[in-house]
Amino acid sequence: MNTHSAHSQPGLIEKPLAEIQRLIDCLLPVATQVDTRKGGAINLVKQSKNNTEFFVILLISGEIELYRTASNNLLFATASGHNVFGLLGSSLRFNTYKFVPSKDSEIYILPREQAIDLIIKHTLIRELLTIHSFMSDIQAKGGNLLINSTAYEIVSTLLMELADVPEEKRLKISVANYIIDRSNLARSGVMKILSELRIGGYIDINYGKLICVNKRFPTVY
């Protein structure tokens, strides 16, 4: 049975599903589908001699992994459909994050300026602000975890995050890689913490996959 870690971030960030859906319903009819079967990142910036054009991603199904390129391609977050990215249209953000969809995902893009015009026309500013707040909370949570936490706190929090992944998917994920990809921690340190939590009966791991979290993690490591 999964339990909450003593080091889990207080409060859950609730995804604004209704607001996202209203934006997608508005923008999808004029968007262009992206072929994701070949893999690779989606480029949301097109530059010409006299102009820089930004694009918006509509994630309908599948997943997009967000890598922080300024931090050695740290895997910052994994988003599943439905989702909308790029509405803020910031060069800094587009240069900081890389959007890599799964090969089975359904994704559409459209120019940001066109998206903003449609949002204004259909009076969806409130939805836009709600999604902006949601994205900001995700960024703040990820930043706080990596900046203000010990290695043990990072490992225990990411373990609880992994424990919430559906079993069919979780049993295909390496626990160690899941944590290392999302942090700047050394493999040796991660393996040591995992080993001690396993010996203490706090987690069950089989062939490197997380089976379950058995009880609340110790407050002090």
N, C-alpha and C. Protein backbone atom coordinates (compact mmCIF):
# COMPACT_ATOMS: atom_id res chain seq x y z
N MET A 1 0.86 -1.20 0.00
CA MET A 1 0.00 0.00 0.00
C MET A 1 0.88 1.23 0.00
N ASN A 2 0.62 2.18 -0.87
CA ASN A 2 1.41 3.40 -0.94
C ASN A 2 1.05 4.32 0.21
N THR A 3 2.09 4.94 0.79
CA THR A 3 1.88 5.93 1.85
C THR A 3 2.63 7.17 1.48
N HIS A 4 2.35 8.27 2.17
CA HIS A 4 2.99 9.54 1.85
C HIS A 4 4.29 9.67 2.61
N SER A 5 5.32 10.16 1.93
CA SER A 5 6.63 10.37 2.53
C SER A 5 6.60 11.56 3.46
N ALA A 6 7.43 11.48 4.49
CA ALA A 6 7.57 12.61 5.42
C ALA A 6 8.14 13.82 4.71
N HIS A 7 8.77 13.60 3.56
CA HIS A 7 9.40 14.69 2.84
C HIS A 7 8.64 15.08 1.58
N SER A 8 7.44 14.57 1.38
CA SER A 8 6.66 14.98 0.22
C SER A 8 6.32 16.46 0.33
N GLN A 9 6.23 17.12 -0.82
CA GLN A 9 5.89 18.53 -0.80
C GLN A 9 4.47 18.68 -0.28
N PRO A 10 4.24 19.63 0.66
CA PRO A 10 2.89 19.80 1.20
C PRO A 10 1.93 20.32 0.14
N GLY A 11 0.76 19.70 0.08
CA GLY A 11 -0.25 20.15 -0.87
C GLY A 11 -0.02 19.60 -2.26
N LEU A 12 -1.08 19.26 -2.92
CA LEU A 12 -1.01 18.76 -4.28
C LEU A 12 -1.27 19.89 -5.27
N ILE A 13 -0.62 19.82 -6.42
CA ILE A 13 -0.87 20.79 -7.49
C ILE A 13 -1.92 20.18 -8.41
N GLU A 14 -3.08 20.78 -8.42
CA GLU A 14 -4.19 20.22 -9.19
C GLU A 14 -4.16 20.73 -10.62
N LYS A 15 -4.16 19.82 -11.55
CA LYS A 15 -4.14 20.18 -12.97
C LYS A 15 -5.50 20.75 -13.38
N PRO A 16 -5.52 21.93 -14.00
CA PRO A 16 -6.79 22.56 -14.38
C PRO A 16 -7.36 21.95 -15.67
N LEU A 17 -7.92 20.78 -15.55
CA LEU A 17 -8.35 20.01 -16.73
C LEU A 17 -9.41 20.75 -17.55
N ALA A 18 -10.39 21.34 -16.88
CA ALA A 18 -11.47 22.01 -17.62
C ALA A 18 -10.95 23.19 -18.42
N GLU A 19 -10.05 23.98 -17.81
CA GLU A 19 -9.50 25.15 -18.49
C GLU A 19 -8.63 24.73 -19.67
N ILE A 20 -7.83 23.69 -19.49
CA ILE A 20 -7.00 23.19 -20.58
C ILE A 20 -7.86 22.70 -21.74
N GLN A 21 -8.93 21.99 -21.41
CA GLN A 21 -9.81 21.48 -22.46
C GLN A 21 -10.46 22.60 -23.25
N ARG A 22 -10.87 23.67 -22.57
CA ARG A 22 -11.50 24.79 -23.28
C ARG A 22 -10.51 25.45 -24.23
N LEU A 23 -9.26 25.58 -23.81
CA LEU A 23 -8.25 26.15 -24.69
C LEU A 23 -7.98 25.25 -25.89
N ILE A 24 -7.88 23.95 -25.65
CA ILE A 24 -7.65 23.01 -26.74
C ILE A 24 -8.81 23.04 -27.73
N ASP A 25 -10.03 23.07 -27.23
CA ASP A 25 -11.20 23.12 -28.11
C ASP A 25 -11.17 24.36 -28.99
N CYS A 26 -10.63 25.44 -28.45
CA CYS A 26 -10.56 26.69 -29.21
C CYS A 26 -9.45 26.67 -30.25
N LEU A 27 -8.30 26.10 -29.90
CA LEU A 27 -7.11 26.21 -30.74
C LEU A 27 -6.92 25.05 -31.72
N LEU A 28 -7.43 23.89 -31.37
CA LEU A 28 -7.17 22.69 -32.18
C LEU A 28 -7.63 22.80 -33.64
N PRO A 29 -8.79 23.41 -33.92
CA PRO A 29 -9.25 23.45 -35.33
C PRO A 29 -8.29 24.14 -36.29
N VAL A 30 -7.42 25.01 -35.80
CA VAL A 30 -6.50 25.72 -36.70
C VAL A 30 -5.05 25.25 -36.54
N ALA A 31 -4.83 24.22 -35.71
CA ALA A 31 -3.47 23.73 -35.45
C ALA A 31 -3.08 22.66 -36.47
N THR A 32 -1.79 22.42 -36.57
CA THR A 32 -1.22 21.44 -37.50
C THR A 32 -0.62 20.28 -36.72
N GLN A 33 -0.95 19.05 -37.13
CA GLN A 33 -0.44 17.89 -36.41
C GLN A 33 1.05 17.69 -36.68
N VAL A 34 1.76 17.23 -35.63
CA VAL A 34 3.20 16.98 -35.70
C VAL A 34 3.43 15.47 -35.78
N ASP A 35 4.31 15.05 -36.67
CA ASP A 35 4.68 13.63 -36.77
C ASP A 35 5.74 13.33 -35.71
N THR A 36 5.35 12.61 -34.68
CA THR A 36 6.26 12.33 -33.57
C THR A 36 6.92 10.95 -33.68
N ARG A 37 6.64 10.22 -34.74
CA ARG A 37 7.12 8.84 -34.83
C ARG A 37 8.63 8.73 -34.94
N LYS A 38 9.29 9.78 -35.44
CA LYS A 38 10.74 9.74 -35.59
C LYS A 38 11.47 10.13 -34.32
N GLY A 39 10.74 10.62 -33.32
CA GLY A 39 11.37 11.04 -32.08
C GLY A 39 12.02 12.42 -32.20
N GLY A 40 12.66 12.84 -31.15
CA GLY A 40 13.34 14.14 -31.15
C GLY A 40 12.49 15.24 -30.57
N ALA A 41 13.13 16.37 -30.30
CA ALA A 41 12.47 17.50 -29.66
C ALA A 41 11.64 18.29 -30.67
N ILE A 42 10.63 18.99 -30.14
CA ILE A 42 9.81 19.89 -30.95
C ILE A 42 10.38 21.29 -30.84
N ASN A 43 10.66 21.89 -31.98
CA ASN A 43 11.20 23.25 -32.00
C ASN A 43 10.05 24.25 -31.99
N LEU A 44 9.98 25.07 -30.93
CA LEU A 44 8.89 26.04 -30.80
C LEU A 44 9.30 27.44 -31.21
N VAL A 45 10.48 27.56 -31.81
CA VAL A 45 10.94 28.87 -32.26
C VAL A 45 11.42 28.76 -33.70
N LYS A 46 10.93 29.62 -34.57
CA LYS A 46 11.40 29.71 -35.95
C LYS A 46 11.94 31.12 -36.18
N GLN A 47 13.19 31.18 -36.57
CA GLN A 47 13.82 32.48 -36.76
C GLN A 47 14.14 32.72 -38.23
N SER A 48 13.79 33.90 -38.69
CA SER A 48 14.16 34.34 -40.03
C SER A 48 15.01 35.59 -39.88
N LYS A 49 15.36 36.19 -40.99
CA LYS A 49 16.23 37.36 -40.96
C LYS A 49 15.64 38.50 -40.14
N ASN A 50 14.34 38.70 -40.31
CA ASN A 50 13.71 39.86 -39.69
C ASN A 50 12.67 39.52 -38.62
N ASN A 51 12.55 38.23 -38.30
CA ASN A 51 11.44 37.88 -37.42
C ASN A 51 11.74 36.61 -36.63
N THR A 52 11.20 36.56 -35.41
CA THR A 52 11.24 35.36 -34.59
C THR A 52 9.80 34.96 -34.29
N GLU A 53 9.43 33.75 -34.67
CA GLU A 53 8.06 33.29 -34.49
C GLU A 53 8.02 32.16 -33.46
N PHE A 54 7.13 32.30 -32.49
CA PHE A 54 6.95 31.30 -31.45
C PHE A 54 5.73 30.44 -31.76
N PHE A 55 5.76 29.21 -31.24
CA PHE A 55 4.67 28.29 -31.47
C PHE A 55 4.14 27.73 -30.15
N VAL A 56 2.92 27.24 -30.21
CA VAL A 56 2.24 26.64 -29.05
C VAL A 56 2.03 25.16 -29.33
N ILE A 57 2.25 24.33 -28.30
CA ILE A 57 2.02 22.89 -28.40
C ILE A 57 0.68 22.54 -27.77
N LEU A 58 -0.09 21.73 -28.47
CA LEU A 58 -1.30 21.13 -27.91
C LEU A 58 -1.04 19.63 -27.78
N LEU A 59 -0.93 19.14 -26.56
CA LEU A 59 -0.73 17.71 -26.32
C LEU A 59 -2.10 17.08 -26.09
N ILE A 60 -2.51 16.22 -27.03
CA ILE A 60 -3.83 15.59 -26.96
C ILE A 60 -3.75 14.25 -26.23
N SER A 61 -2.74 13.46 -26.55
CA SER A 61 -2.55 12.18 -25.87
C SER A 61 -1.06 11.84 -25.88
N GLY A 62 -0.69 10.87 -25.06
CA GLY A 62 0.72 10.53 -24.94
C GLY A 62 1.40 11.40 -23.91
N GLU A 63 2.71 11.55 -24.06
CA GLU A 63 3.50 12.30 -23.07
C GLU A 63 4.51 13.22 -23.73
N ILE A 64 4.89 14.26 -22.98
CA ILE A 64 6.00 15.12 -23.36
C ILE A 64 6.94 15.21 -22.16
N GLU A 65 8.21 14.96 -22.40
CA GLU A 65 9.22 15.15 -21.36
C GLU A 65 9.86 16.52 -21.52
N LEU A 66 9.95 17.25 -20.42
CA LEU A 66 10.55 18.58 -20.42
C LEU A 66 11.94 18.49 -19.81
N TYR A 67 12.95 18.78 -20.63
CA TYR A 67 14.33 18.76 -20.17
C TYR A 67 14.83 20.19 -19.97
N ARG A 68 15.54 20.40 -18.89
CA ARG A 68 16.12 21.70 -18.62
C ARG A 68 17.52 21.71 -19.22
N THR A 69 17.66 22.33 -20.38
CA THR A 69 18.93 22.28 -21.12
C THR A 69 20.05 22.99 -20.40
N ALA A 70 19.72 23.98 -19.59
CA ALA A 70 20.75 24.73 -18.86
C ALA A 70 21.33 23.92 -17.70
N SER A 71 20.72 22.76 -17.41
CA SER A 71 21.18 21.92 -16.30
C SER A 71 21.56 20.53 -16.80
N ASN A 72 22.35 20.50 -17.87
CA ASN A 72 22.82 19.23 -18.43
C ASN A 72 21.66 18.30 -18.81
N ASN A 73 20.63 18.89 -19.44
CA ASN A 73 19.46 18.12 -19.89
C ASN A 73 18.81 17.35 -18.76
N LEU A 74 18.65 18.01 -17.63
CA LEU A 74 17.95 17.43 -16.49
C LEU A 74 16.48 17.24 -16.86
N LEU A 75 15.94 16.05 -16.59
CA LEU A 75 14.53 15.78 -16.86
C LEU A 75 13.71 16.47 -15.79
N PHE A 76 13.11 17.59 -16.16
CA PHE A 76 12.43 18.44 -15.19
C PHE A 76 11.02 17.93 -14.87
N ALA A 77 10.30 17.47 -15.89
CA ALA A 77 8.93 17.01 -15.67
C ALA A 77 8.48 16.17 -16.85
N THR A 78 7.50 15.32 -16.59
CA THR A 78 6.85 14.56 -17.65
C THR A 78 5.37 14.91 -17.62
N ALA A 79 4.86 15.40 -18.75
CA ALA A 79 3.47 15.83 -18.83
C ALA A 79 2.70 14.87 -19.73
N SER A 80 1.48 14.56 -19.32
CA SER A 80 0.61 13.71 -20.14
C SER A 80 -0.57 14.52 -20.62
N GLY A 81 -1.20 14.02 -21.70
CA GLY A 81 -2.33 14.75 -22.28
C GLY A 81 -3.52 14.78 -21.33
N HIS A 82 -4.32 15.81 -21.48
CA HIS A 82 -4.23 17.01 -22.31
C HIS A 82 -3.33 18.05 -21.65
N ASN A 83 -2.62 18.84 -22.51
CA ASN A 83 -1.79 19.90 -22.00
C ASN A 83 -1.53 20.93 -23.09
N VAL A 84 -1.17 22.13 -22.67
CA VAL A 84 -0.84 23.22 -23.58
C VAL A 84 0.47 23.85 -23.13
N PHE A 85 1.40 24.03 -24.08
CA PHE A 85 2.70 24.64 -23.76
C PHE A 85 3.01 25.76 -24.76
N GLY A 86 3.73 26.77 -24.27
CA GLY A 86 4.25 27.79 -25.16
C GLY A 86 3.45 29.07 -25.22
N LEU A 87 2.38 29.16 -24.45
CA LEU A 87 1.54 30.36 -24.54
C LEU A 87 2.24 31.60 -24.00
N LEU A 88 3.21 31.41 -23.11
CA LEU A 88 3.92 32.57 -22.57
C LEU A 88 4.87 33.18 -23.60
N GLY A 89 5.33 32.36 -24.53
CA GLY A 89 6.12 32.87 -25.64
C GLY A 89 7.40 33.56 -25.25
N SER A 90 8.11 33.02 -24.27
CA SER A 90 9.33 33.63 -23.79
C SER A 90 10.55 32.97 -24.43
N SER A 91 11.44 33.78 -24.99
CA SER A 91 12.67 33.24 -25.57
C SER A 91 13.50 32.53 -24.50
N LEU A 92 13.52 33.08 -23.30
CA LEU A 92 14.28 32.46 -22.21
C LEU A 92 13.75 31.07 -21.90
N ARG A 93 12.43 30.94 -21.82
CA ARG A 93 11.84 29.64 -21.51
C ARG A 93 12.12 28.63 -22.62
N PHE A 94 11.98 29.06 -23.86
CA PHE A 94 12.20 28.15 -24.98
C PHE A 94 13.66 27.73 -25.09
N ASN A 95 14.56 28.59 -24.62
CA ASN A 95 15.98 28.25 -24.64
C ASN A 95 16.40 27.46 -23.41
N THR A 96 15.54 27.47 -22.39
CA THR A 96 15.84 26.77 -21.14
C THR A 96 15.30 25.35 -21.16
N TYR A 97 14.15 25.16 -21.80
CA TYR A 97 13.49 23.86 -21.79
C TYR A 97 13.42 23.25 -23.19
N LYS A 98 13.54 21.94 -23.23
CA LYS A 98 13.42 21.18 -24.46
C LYS A 98 12.22 20.25 -24.32
N PHE A 99 11.35 20.24 -25.34
CA PHE A 99 10.12 19.45 -25.30
C PHE A 99 10.29 18.21 -26.18
N VAL A 100 10.29 17.04 -25.54
CA VAL A 100 10.51 15.78 -26.27
C VAL A 100 9.29 14.88 -26.09
N PRO A 101 8.48 14.71 -27.14
CA PRO A 101 7.27 13.88 -27.03
C PRO A 101 7.57 12.40 -27.17
N SER A 102 6.69 11.59 -26.60
CA SER A 102 6.77 10.15 -26.85
C SER A 102 6.35 9.87 -28.29
N LYS A 103 6.83 8.77 -28.85
CA LYS A 103 6.59 8.49 -30.26
C LYS A 103 5.14 8.15 -30.56
N ASP A 104 4.37 7.81 -29.52
CA ASP A 104 2.96 7.47 -29.74
C ASP A 104 2.04 8.63 -29.37
N SER A 105 2.61 9.81 -29.16
CA SER A 105 1.80 10.94 -28.72
C SER A 105 1.10 11.61 -29.90
N GLU A 106 -0.01 12.26 -29.59
CA GLU A 106 -0.75 13.05 -30.57
C GLU A 106 -0.57 14.53 -30.23
N ILE A 107 0.10 15.25 -31.11
CA ILE A 107 0.49 16.62 -30.82
C ILE A 107 0.20 17.51 -32.01
N TYR A 108 -0.25 18.73 -31.70
CA TYR A 108 -0.49 19.74 -32.73
C TYR A 108 0.24 21.02 -32.31
N ILE A 109 0.60 21.84 -33.30
CA ILE A 109 1.20 23.13 -33.00
C ILE A 109 0.52 24.22 -33.83
N LEU A 110 0.61 25.43 -33.34
CA LEU A 110 0.14 26.60 -34.09
C LEU A 110 0.92 27.81 -33.63
N PRO A 111 1.01 28.85 -34.48
CA PRO A 111 1.74 30.06 -34.09
C PRO A 111 1.15 30.69 -32.83
N ARG A 112 2.02 31.15 -31.95
CA ARG A 112 1.56 31.74 -30.70
C ARG A 112 0.68 32.95 -30.94
N GLU A 113 1.05 33.80 -31.88
CA GLU A 113 0.26 35.02 -32.13
C GLU A 113 -1.17 34.66 -32.53
N GLN A 114 -1.30 33.63 -33.34
CA GLN A 114 -2.64 33.18 -33.75
C GLN A 114 -3.40 32.64 -32.54
N ALA A 115 -2.69 31.89 -31.68
CA ALA A 115 -3.32 31.33 -30.49
C ALA A 115 -3.82 32.44 -29.56
N ILE A 116 -2.99 33.47 -29.35
CA ILE A 116 -3.38 34.57 -28.47
C ILE A 116 -4.59 35.32 -29.04
N ASP A 117 -4.60 35.54 -30.36
CA ASP A 117 -5.74 36.22 -30.99
C ASP A 117 -7.04 35.43 -30.76
N LEU A 118 -6.97 34.11 -30.89
CA LEU A 118 -8.15 33.28 -30.68
C LEU A 118 -8.59 33.28 -29.22
N ILE A 119 -7.61 33.26 -28.32
CA ILE A 119 -7.92 33.29 -26.88
C ILE A 119 -8.64 34.59 -26.52
N ILE A 120 -8.17 35.70 -27.07
CA ILE A 120 -8.82 36.99 -26.81
C ILE A 120 -10.22 37.01 -27.43
N LYS A 121 -10.32 36.52 -28.66
CA LYS A 121 -11.60 36.53 -29.37
C LYS A 121 -12.66 35.74 -28.61
N HIS A 122 -12.26 34.61 -28.03
CA HIS A 122 -13.21 33.73 -27.35
C HIS A 122 -13.23 33.95 -25.84
N THR A 123 -12.67 35.07 -25.41
CA THR A 123 -12.65 35.46 -23.98
C THR A 123 -12.19 34.33 -23.07
N LEU A 124 -11.01 33.80 -23.37
CA LEU A 124 -10.43 32.71 -22.57
C LEU A 124 -9.21 33.17 -21.79
N ILE A 125 -9.17 34.46 -21.46
CA ILE A 125 -8.03 35.00 -20.70
C ILE A 125 -7.96 34.36 -19.32
N ARG A 126 -9.10 34.14 -18.69
CA ARG A 126 -9.11 33.52 -17.36
C ARG A 126 -8.48 32.12 -17.43
N GLU A 127 -8.81 31.38 -18.47
CA GLU A 127 -8.22 30.04 -18.64
C GLU A 127 -6.72 30.13 -18.84
N LEU A 128 -6.28 31.11 -19.62
CA LEU A 128 -4.86 31.30 -19.86
C LEU A 128 -4.12 31.58 -18.56
N LEU A 129 -4.67 32.45 -17.72
CA LEU A 129 -4.03 32.79 -16.45
C LEU A 129 -4.01 31.59 -15.49
N THR A 130 -5.07 30.79 -15.53
CA THR A 130 -5.11 29.60 -14.67
C THR A 130 -4.02 28.61 -15.06
N ILE A 131 -3.84 28.40 -16.36
CA ILE A 131 -2.79 27.49 -16.82
C ILE A 131 -1.41 28.06 -16.50
N HIS A 132 -1.25 29.37 -16.64
CA HIS A 132 0.02 30.00 -16.29
C HIS A 132 0.35 29.77 -14.81
N SER A 133 -0.64 29.88 -13.94
CA SER A 133 -0.43 29.64 -12.51
C SER A 133 -0.04 28.19 -12.25
N PHE A 134 -0.69 27.27 -12.95
CA PHE A 134 -0.38 25.85 -12.82
C PHE A 134 1.06 25.56 -13.23
N MET A 135 1.49 26.09 -14.37
CA MET A 135 2.86 25.89 -14.83
C MET A 135 3.86 26.50 -13.87
N SER A 136 3.56 27.67 -13.34
CA SER A 136 4.46 28.33 -12.39
C SER A 136 4.61 27.51 -11.12
N ASP A 137 3.51 26.91 -10.66
CA ASP A 137 3.57 26.06 -9.47
C ASP A 137 4.44 24.83 -9.71
N ILE A 138 4.31 24.23 -10.90
CA ILE A 138 5.14 23.07 -11.23
C ILE A 138 6.62 23.44 -11.22
N GLN A 139 6.95 24.58 -11.81
CA GLN A 139 8.34 25.03 -11.85
C GLN A 139 8.86 25.33 -10.45
N ALA A 140 8.02 25.98 -9.63
CA ALA A 140 8.44 26.31 -8.26
C ALA A 140 8.66 25.05 -7.43
N LYS A 141 7.78 24.08 -7.59
CA LYS A 141 7.91 22.83 -6.84
C LYS A 141 9.20 22.10 -7.22
N GLY A 142 9.46 22.01 -8.53
CA GLY A 142 10.68 21.34 -8.98
C GLY A 142 11.93 22.07 -8.54
N GLY A 143 11.90 23.40 -8.62
CA GLY A 143 13.05 24.19 -8.19
C GLY A 143 13.31 24.07 -6.71
N ASN A 144 12.26 24.12 -5.91
CA ASN A 144 12.41 24.02 -4.46
C ASN A 144 12.97 22.67 -4.06
N LEU A 145 12.53 21.62 -4.74
CA LEU A 145 13.01 20.28 -4.41
C LEU A 145 14.51 20.18 -4.61
N LEU A 146 15.01 20.68 -5.73
CA LEU A 146 16.43 20.52 -6.06
C LEU A 146 17.32 21.50 -5.31
N ILE A 147 16.79 22.67 -4.98
CA ILE A 147 17.63 23.71 -4.36
C ILE A 147 17.65 23.60 -2.84
N ASN A 148 16.50 23.32 -2.23
CA ASN A 148 16.37 23.42 -0.78
C ASN A 148 16.33 22.09 -0.06
N SER A 149 16.63 20.99 -0.74
CA SER A 149 16.49 19.67 -0.13
C SER A 149 17.81 18.92 -0.09
N THR A 150 17.91 18.02 0.88
CA THR A 150 19.06 17.13 0.94
C THR A 150 18.88 16.01 -0.08
N ALA A 151 19.95 15.23 -0.27
CA ALA A 151 19.88 14.11 -1.21
C ALA A 151 18.80 13.12 -0.76
N TYR A 152 18.70 12.89 0.52
CA TYR A 152 17.69 11.96 1.03
C TYR A 152 16.28 12.48 0.77
N GLU A 153 16.07 13.76 0.98
CA GLU A 153 14.75 14.35 0.74
C GLU A 153 14.37 14.28 -0.74
N ILE A 154 15.35 14.50 -1.61
CA ILE A 154 15.09 14.41 -3.05
C ILE A 154 14.71 12.98 -3.43
N VAL A 155 15.49 12.02 -2.94
CA VAL A 155 15.22 10.61 -3.26
C VAL A 155 13.86 10.18 -2.74
N SER A 156 13.55 10.53 -1.50
CA SER A 156 12.28 10.08 -0.93
C SER A 156 11.09 10.73 -1.62
N THR A 157 11.21 12.01 -2.00
CA THR A 157 10.12 12.69 -2.70
C THR A 157 9.90 12.08 -4.08
N LEU A 158 10.99 11.82 -4.80
CA LEU A 158 10.86 11.23 -6.14
C LEU A 158 10.37 9.79 -6.06
N LEU A 159 10.70 9.08 -4.99
CA LEU A 159 10.15 7.74 -4.80
C LEU A 159 8.63 7.78 -4.65
N MET A 160 8.13 8.76 -3.88
CA MET A 160 6.69 8.87 -3.72
C MET A 160 6.02 9.28 -5.03
N GLU A 161 6.71 10.11 -5.81
CA GLU A 161 6.18 10.50 -7.12
C GLU A 161 6.09 9.27 -8.03
N LEU A 162 7.13 8.44 -8.01
CA LEU A 162 7.14 7.23 -8.82
C LEU A 162 6.08 6.24 -8.34
N ALA A 163 5.87 6.18 -7.04
CA ALA A 163 4.86 5.26 -6.50
C ALA A 163 3.47 5.58 -6.99
N ASP A 164 3.24 6.82 -7.38
CA ASP A 164 1.92 7.22 -7.88
C ASP A 164 1.72 6.93 -9.37
N VAL A 165 2.79 6.50 -10.04
CA VAL A 165 2.68 6.13 -11.45
C VAL A 165 1.92 4.80 -11.55
N PRO A 166 0.99 4.67 -12.49
CA PRO A 166 0.25 3.40 -12.63
C PRO A 166 1.20 2.20 -12.71
N GLU A 167 0.80 1.11 -12.07
CA GLU A 167 1.67 -0.06 -11.92
C GLU A 167 2.20 -0.57 -13.26
N GLU A 168 1.35 -0.65 -14.26
CA GLU A 168 1.78 -1.19 -15.56
C GLU A 168 2.96 -0.40 -16.12
N LYS A 169 2.94 0.90 -15.93
CA LYS A 169 4.03 1.74 -16.41
C LYS A 169 5.20 1.73 -15.44
N ARG A 170 4.90 1.76 -14.15
CA ARG A 170 5.96 1.85 -13.12
C ARG A 170 6.90 0.65 -13.18
N LEU A 171 6.35 -0.53 -13.47
CA LEU A 171 7.17 -1.74 -13.46
C LEU A 171 8.09 -1.83 -14.68
N LYS A 172 8.04 -0.83 -15.56
CA LYS A 172 8.96 -0.76 -16.69
C LYS A 172 10.04 0.30 -16.46
N ILE A 173 10.00 0.96 -15.31
CA ILE A 173 10.89 2.09 -15.04
C ILE A 173 11.95 1.71 -14.02
N SER A 174 13.20 2.00 -14.33
CA SER A 174 14.28 1.81 -13.37
C SER A 174 14.18 2.87 -12.28
N VAL A 175 14.11 2.43 -11.03
CA VAL A 175 14.00 3.37 -9.91
C VAL A 175 15.19 4.32 -9.90
N ALA A 176 16.38 3.77 -10.00
CA ALA A 176 17.59 4.59 -9.93
C ALA A 176 17.63 5.61 -11.06
N ASN A 177 17.33 5.17 -12.27
CA ASN A 177 17.36 6.09 -13.42
C ASN A 177 16.29 7.16 -13.29
N TYR A 178 15.13 6.80 -12.76
CA TYR A 178 14.06 7.78 -12.58
C TYR A 178 14.53 8.92 -11.69
N ILE A 179 15.22 8.59 -10.62
CA ILE A 179 15.70 9.60 -9.68
C ILE A 179 16.88 10.38 -10.25
N ILE A 180 17.83 9.68 -10.84
CA ILE A 180 19.03 10.34 -11.37
C ILE A 180 18.69 11.28 -12.52
N ASP A 181 17.78 10.86 -13.39
CA ASP A 181 17.40 11.70 -14.53
C ASP A 181 16.74 13.00 -14.09
N ARG A 182 16.13 13.00 -12.91
CA ARG A 182 15.39 14.15 -12.43
C ARG A 182 16.12 14.95 -11.35
N SER A 183 17.37 14.62 -11.12
CA SER A 183 18.14 15.31 -10.09
C SER A 183 19.60 15.41 -10.54
N ASN A 184 20.38 16.09 -9.76
CA ASN A 184 21.82 16.17 -10.02
C ASN A 184 22.60 15.25 -9.09
N LEU A 185 21.95 14.23 -8.57
CA LEU A 185 22.57 13.34 -7.60
C LEU A 185 23.45 12.29 -8.28
N ALA A 186 24.50 11.90 -7.58
CA ALA A 186 25.38 10.86 -8.08
C ALA A 186 24.71 9.49 -7.92
N ARG A 187 24.97 8.61 -8.88
CA ARG A 187 24.36 7.28 -8.83
C ARG A 187 24.71 6.54 -7.54
N SER A 188 25.96 6.65 -7.11
CA SER A 188 26.40 5.93 -5.91
C SER A 188 25.58 6.36 -4.69
N GLY A 189 25.34 7.67 -4.56
CA GLY A 189 24.57 8.16 -3.43
C GLY A 189 23.12 7.72 -3.48
N VAL A 190 22.54 7.74 -4.67
CA VAL A 190 21.16 7.30 -4.84
C VAL A 190 21.03 5.82 -4.49
N MET A 191 21.95 5.00 -4.99
CA MET A 191 21.89 3.56 -4.73
C MET A 191 22.04 3.26 -3.24
N LYS A 192 22.86 4.03 -2.55
CA LYS A 192 23.05 3.82 -1.10
C LYS A 192 21.76 4.10 -0.35
N ILE A 193 21.10 5.20 -0.68
CA ILE A 193 19.84 5.54 0.00
C ILE A 193 18.77 4.51 -0.30
N LEU A 194 18.66 4.10 -1.56
CA LEU A 194 17.67 3.09 -1.93
C LEU A 194 17.92 1.77 -1.20
N SER A 195 19.19 1.40 -1.11
CA SER A 195 19.54 0.14 -0.43
C SER A 195 19.12 0.18 1.04
N GLU A 196 19.38 1.30 1.69
CA GLU A 196 19.07 1.40 3.12
C GLU A 196 17.56 1.47 3.36
N LEU A 197 16.83 2.12 2.48
CA LEU A 197 15.37 2.14 2.60
C LEU A 197 14.80 0.74 2.37
N ARG A 198 15.41 0.02 1.48
CA ARG A 198 14.95 -1.34 1.18
C ARG A 198 15.24 -2.27 2.36
N ILE A 199 16.43 -2.16 2.92
CA ILE A 199 16.81 -2.98 4.08
C ILE A 199 15.89 -2.68 5.26
N GLY A 200 15.52 -1.42 5.41
CA GLY A 200 14.64 -1.03 6.51
C GLY A 200 13.18 -1.39 6.29
N GLY A 201 12.88 -1.96 5.13
CA GLY A 201 11.51 -2.39 4.87
C GLY A 201 10.57 -1.27 4.45
N TYR A 202 11.15 -0.13 4.07
CA TYR A 202 10.31 1.01 3.67
C TYR A 202 9.82 0.88 2.22
N ILE A 203 10.61 0.23 1.39
CA ILE A 203 10.24 0.07 -0.01
C ILE A 203 10.52 -1.36 -0.45
N ASP A 204 9.78 -1.81 -1.45
CA ASP A 204 10.05 -3.08 -2.11
C ASP A 204 10.50 -2.78 -3.53
N ILE A 205 11.69 -3.28 -3.88
CA ILE A 205 12.23 -3.12 -5.22
C ILE A 205 12.57 -4.51 -5.76
N ASN A 206 12.17 -4.78 -6.98
CA ASN A 206 12.45 -6.06 -7.61
C ASN A 206 13.02 -5.82 -9.00
N TYR A 207 14.22 -6.35 -9.26
CA TYR A 207 14.90 -6.15 -10.54
C TYR A 207 14.99 -4.66 -10.89
N GLY A 208 15.23 -3.84 -9.87
CA GLY A 208 15.42 -2.41 -10.09
C GLY A 208 14.15 -1.61 -10.28
N LYS A 209 12.98 -2.27 -10.14
CA LYS A 209 11.70 -1.59 -10.32
C LYS A 209 11.01 -1.44 -8.96
N LEU A 210 10.35 -0.31 -8.77
CA LEU A 210 9.65 -0.06 -7.51
C LEU A 210 8.33 -0.82 -7.48
N ILE A 211 8.21 -1.74 -6.53
CA ILE A 211 6.97 -2.50 -6.37
C ILE A 211 5.97 -1.70 -5.53
N CYS A 212 6.44 -1.21 -4.39
CA CYS A 212 5.55 -0.42 -3.54
C CYS A 212 6.34 0.30 -2.46
N VAL A 213 5.70 1.28 -1.85
CA VAL A 213 6.20 1.93 -0.64
C VAL A 213 5.38 1.36 0.51
N ASN A 214 6.07 0.81 1.51
CA ASN A 214 5.37 0.08 2.57
C ASN A 214 4.95 0.94 3.74
N LYS A 215 5.73 1.98 4.04
CA LYS A 215 5.43 2.79 5.21
C LYS A 215 6.12 4.15 5.07
N ARG A 216 5.73 5.05 5.94
CA ARG A 216 6.27 6.41 5.90
C ARG A 216 7.78 6.39 6.08
N PHE A 217 8.48 7.18 5.28
CA PHE A 217 9.93 7.23 5.38
C PHE A 217 10.36 7.94 6.67
N PRO A 218 11.52 7.60 7.21
CA PRO A 218 12.01 8.28 8.40
C PRO A 218 12.20 9.78 8.13
N THR A 219 11.94 10.60 9.14
CA THR A 219 12.12 12.03 9.00
C THR A 219 13.61 12.38 8.91
N VAL A 220 14.41 11.69 9.66
CA VAL A 220 15.86 11.95 9.68
C VAL A 220 16.57 10.75 9.07
N TYR A 221 17.51 11.03 8.18
CA TYR A 221 18.26 9.96 7.52
C TYR A 221 19.58 9.74 8.25
